[in-house]
Amino acid sequence: MRIIVGSTNPVKIDAVKEIIKDYNFLTGAEVSGANVSSEISEQPVSLEEIIQGAINRAKNSFKDCDYSVGIESGLMPVPYTKTGYMDMTACVIYDGKETSVGLSSAFEQPTTLTKKVLEAKGKLDISQVALQIGLTASDNIGYEGGMMGLLTKGRVKRKDYTKEAIRTALIQIENRELYNL
């Protein structure tokens, strides 16, 4: 069995590799990454755009494999929050015919960071803005513990909530009969 992740980000690829160990029907699958486009803005700012980016990544990487996985993070509007937005991750698993969508938990980014990301209108991502405003010295925190890792002081890392999104997408595949797949 072969699974292709629509990204070369090691956090995303490692999350898939770690998750499949928990699923008998995926055990032993070969997992690799592919450099594909999400076909959305650099920094998605709606749930629809985040999921569309994950769908595009999954479909654009589906070549000579059993499953492809698209993972996309971004901001989405959430009422009653300090900034009006929360950050979350979507995972889409594609089998060549059907997509299965899963989401991670969400968290609020710092106020200044969110404001500057929104002002950039999709041209700068969270990693770029975090470096620009001095929240991190890393030029690509998204390839490391992510902002979640920084804000929780390492208690929860980007890979953790990425795995959560993958696991929730796998619900439909593992229980095909309940979802008419």
Protein backbone atom coordinates (compact mmCIF):
# COMPACT_ATOMS: atom_id res chain seq x y z
CA MET A 1 0.00 0.00 0.00
CA ARG A 2 1.22 3.49 -0.83
CA ILE A 3 0.16 6.83 0.71
CA ILE A 4 1.29 10.17 -0.68
CA VAL A 5 1.11 13.32 1.42
CA GLY A 6 0.56 16.48 -0.63
CA SER A 7 3.46 18.31 1.02
CA THR A 8 7.18 18.06 1.65
CA ASN A 9 6.76 19.44 5.19
CA PRO A 10 8.32 16.80 7.48
CA VAL A 11 5.80 17.59 10.25
CA LYS A 12 2.91 16.57 7.98
CA ILE A 13 4.67 13.49 6.57
CA ASP A 14 5.79 12.29 10.02
CA ALA A 15 2.27 12.80 11.41
CA VAL A 16 0.86 10.48 8.73
CA LYS A 17 3.63 7.91 9.32
CA GLU A 18 2.91 7.90 13.06
CA ILE A 19 -0.88 7.70 12.73
CA ILE A 20 -0.98 4.76 10.33
CA LYS A 21 0.65 2.55 12.96
CA ASP A 22 -2.66 2.64 14.85
CA TYR A 23 -4.72 1.31 11.91
CA ASN A 24 -4.46 -2.34 10.88
CA PHE A 25 -5.62 -1.63 7.32
CA LEU A 26 -2.79 0.92 6.90
CA THR A 27 0.01 -0.88 8.76
CA GLY A 28 3.13 -1.17 6.65
CA ALA A 29 2.04 1.42 4.11
CA GLU A 30 4.83 3.32 2.40
CA VAL A 31 4.41 7.06 3.04
CA SER A 32 6.06 9.76 0.96
CA GLY A 33 5.56 13.44 0.30
CA ALA A 34 4.95 15.32 -2.92
CA ASN A 35 5.48 18.98 -3.66
CA VAL A 36 2.04 20.06 -4.90
CA SER A 37 0.10 23.29 -4.91
CA SER A 38 -2.80 23.97 -2.58
CA GLU A 39 -4.11 26.42 -5.20
CA ILE A 40 -5.21 28.81 -2.44
CA SER A 41 -3.65 31.88 -0.83
CA GLU A 42 -0.42 31.65 1.16
CA GLN A 43 -2.47 32.03 4.34
CA PRO A 44 -6.07 30.78 4.20
CA VAL A 45 -8.51 32.75 6.37
CA SER A 46 -11.75 30.77 6.19
CA LEU A 47 -12.80 27.21 6.91
CA GLU A 48 -13.89 26.81 3.29
CA GLU A 49 -10.49 27.91 1.98
CA ILE A 50 -8.62 25.68 4.45
CA ILE A 51 -10.63 22.61 3.42
CA GLN A 52 -10.36 23.51 -0.28
CA GLY A 53 -6.58 23.72 0.10
CA ALA A 54 -6.51 20.28 1.74
CA ILE A 55 -8.72 18.84 -1.02
CA ASN A 56 -6.46 20.34 -3.70
CA ARG A 57 -3.34 18.97 -2.02
CA ALA A 58 -4.88 15.49 -1.75
CA LYS A 59 -6.15 15.40 -5.33
CA ASN A 60 -2.99 16.96 -6.80
CA SER A 61 -0.80 14.32 -5.14
CA PHE A 62 -2.91 11.28 -6.07
CA LYS A 63 -0.60 9.38 -8.42
CA ASP A 64 0.19 5.66 -8.26
CA CYS A 65 -1.05 5.31 -4.69
CA ASP A 66 -3.92 3.92 -2.64
CA TYR A 67 -4.55 7.11 -0.67
CA SER A 68 -3.36 10.68 -0.84
CA VAL A 69 -3.49 13.07 2.06
CA GLY A 70 -3.93 16.82 1.95
CA ILE A 71 -3.24 18.80 5.11
CA GLU A 72 -3.85 22.54 5.32
CA SER A 73 -3.78 24.92 8.27
CA GLY A 74 -5.25 28.37 8.49
CA LEU A 75 -7.38 30.87 10.30
CA MET A 76 -11.15 30.73 10.40
CA PRO A 77 -13.66 33.21 11.79
CA VAL A 78 -14.91 32.22 15.25
CA PRO A 79 -17.35 34.42 17.19
CA TYR A 80 -16.66 35.50 20.78
CA THR A 81 -12.88 35.21 20.42
CA LYS A 82 -10.47 38.07 21.12
CA THR A 83 -9.31 38.32 17.50
CA GLY A 84 -12.40 36.94 15.77
CA TYR A 85 -10.32 34.04 14.37
CA MET A 86 -8.89 30.70 15.42
CA ASP A 87 -6.23 28.55 13.80
CA MET A 88 -6.98 24.95 12.86
CA THR A 89 -5.89 22.17 10.53
CA ALA A 90 -7.93 20.25 7.99
CA CYS A 91 -7.01 16.84 6.62
CA VAL A 92 -8.50 15.37 3.47
CA ILE A 93 -7.85 11.75 2.53
CA TYR A 94 -8.57 10.85 -1.10
CA ASP A 95 -8.86 7.35 -2.55
CA GLY A 96 -9.25 8.37 -6.19
CA LYS A 97 -13.04 8.65 -5.89
CA GLU A 98 -14.09 9.90 -2.47
CA THR A 99 -12.72 12.43 -0.02
CA SER A 100 -12.87 12.12 3.76
CA VAL A 101 -12.50 15.34 5.75
CA GLY A 102 -11.21 15.69 9.31
CA LEU A 103 -10.46 18.70 11.47
CA SER A 104 -8.19 19.41 14.39
CA SER A 105 -8.94 21.35 17.52
CA ALA A 106 -8.60 25.11 17.12
CA PHE A 107 -6.68 27.75 19.05
CA GLU A 108 -6.40 31.51 18.95
CA GLN A 109 -3.23 33.12 17.69
CA PRO A 110 -1.82 36.22 19.44
CA THR A 111 -3.71 39.43 18.67
CA THR A 112 -0.87 41.26 16.92
CA LEU A 113 -0.01 38.23 14.79
CA THR A 114 -3.63 37.70 13.68
CA LYS A 115 -4.04 41.40 12.86
CA LYS A 116 -0.91 41.46 10.69
CA VAL A 117 -1.81 38.20 8.93
CA LEU A 118 -5.23 39.60 8.06
CA GLU A 119 -3.71 42.91 6.89
CA ALA A 120 -1.43 40.94 4.53
CA LYS A 121 -4.56 39.59 2.78
CA GLY A 122 -3.21 36.08 2.20
CA LYS A 123 0.26 37.12 1.05
CA LEU A 124 2.10 36.30 4.29
CA ASP A 125 1.61 33.18 6.35
CA ILE A 126 1.69 32.82 10.12
CA SER A 127 5.34 31.67 10.14
CA GLN A 128 6.46 34.74 8.18
CA VAL A 129 4.52 37.15 10.40
CA ALA A 130 5.67 35.45 13.63
CA LEU A 131 9.29 35.96 12.52
CA GLN A 132 8.58 39.53 11.37
CA ILE A 133 7.08 40.61 14.72
CA GLY A 134 9.69 38.80 16.81
CA LEU A 135 7.61 35.95 18.26
CA THR A 136 10.17 33.46 16.95
CA ALA A 137 13.67 33.42 15.53
CA SER A 138 12.73 30.55 13.19
CA ASP A 139 12.16 31.41 9.55
CA ASN A 140 9.66 28.56 9.24
CA ILE A 141 8.08 27.60 12.53
CA GLY A 142 5.48 25.56 10.59
CA TYR A 143 8.18 22.99 9.83
CA GLU A 144 8.88 22.67 13.54
CA GLY A 145 6.61 22.73 16.58
CA GLY A 146 4.44 25.44 15.05
CA MET A 147 2.85 28.34 16.85
CA MET A 148 0.96 25.82 18.97
CA GLY A 149 4.29 24.49 20.24
CA LEU A 150 5.53 28.00 20.93
CA LEU A 151 2.36 29.14 22.70
CA THR A 152 1.97 25.97 24.81
CA LYS A 153 5.70 25.98 25.61
CA GLY A 154 6.10 22.60 23.92
CA ARG A 155 3.13 20.87 25.56
CA VAL A 156 1.24 20.55 22.26
CA LYS A 157 3.08 20.75 18.95
CA ARG A 158 1.94 21.20 15.38
CA LYS A 159 2.35 17.49 14.75
CA ASP A 160 -0.06 16.71 17.61
CA TYR A 161 -3.01 18.61 16.19
CA THR A 162 -2.10 17.56 12.65
CA LYS A 163 -2.41 13.95 13.82
CA GLU A 164 -5.79 14.84 15.33
CA ALA A 165 -7.03 16.07 11.93
CA ILE A 166 -5.73 12.90 10.23
CA ARG A 167 -7.38 10.69 12.82
CA THR A 168 -10.75 12.42 12.39
CA ALA A 169 -10.51 12.05 8.57
CA LEU A 170 -9.79 8.33 9.01
CA ILE A 171 -13.10 7.84 10.86
CA GLN A 172 -14.99 7.72 7.55
CA ILE A 173 -12.52 5.36 5.91
CA GLU A 174 -12.36 2.95 8.84
CA ASN A 175 -16.18 2.93 9.07
CA ARG A 176 -16.98 2.95 5.34
CA GLU A 177 -20.27 1.13 5.81
CA LEU A 178 -21.61 3.99 7.98
CA TYR A 179 -20.74 6.63 5.38
CA ASN A 180 -21.80 4.76 2.23
CA LEU A 181 -18.26 4.72 0.84
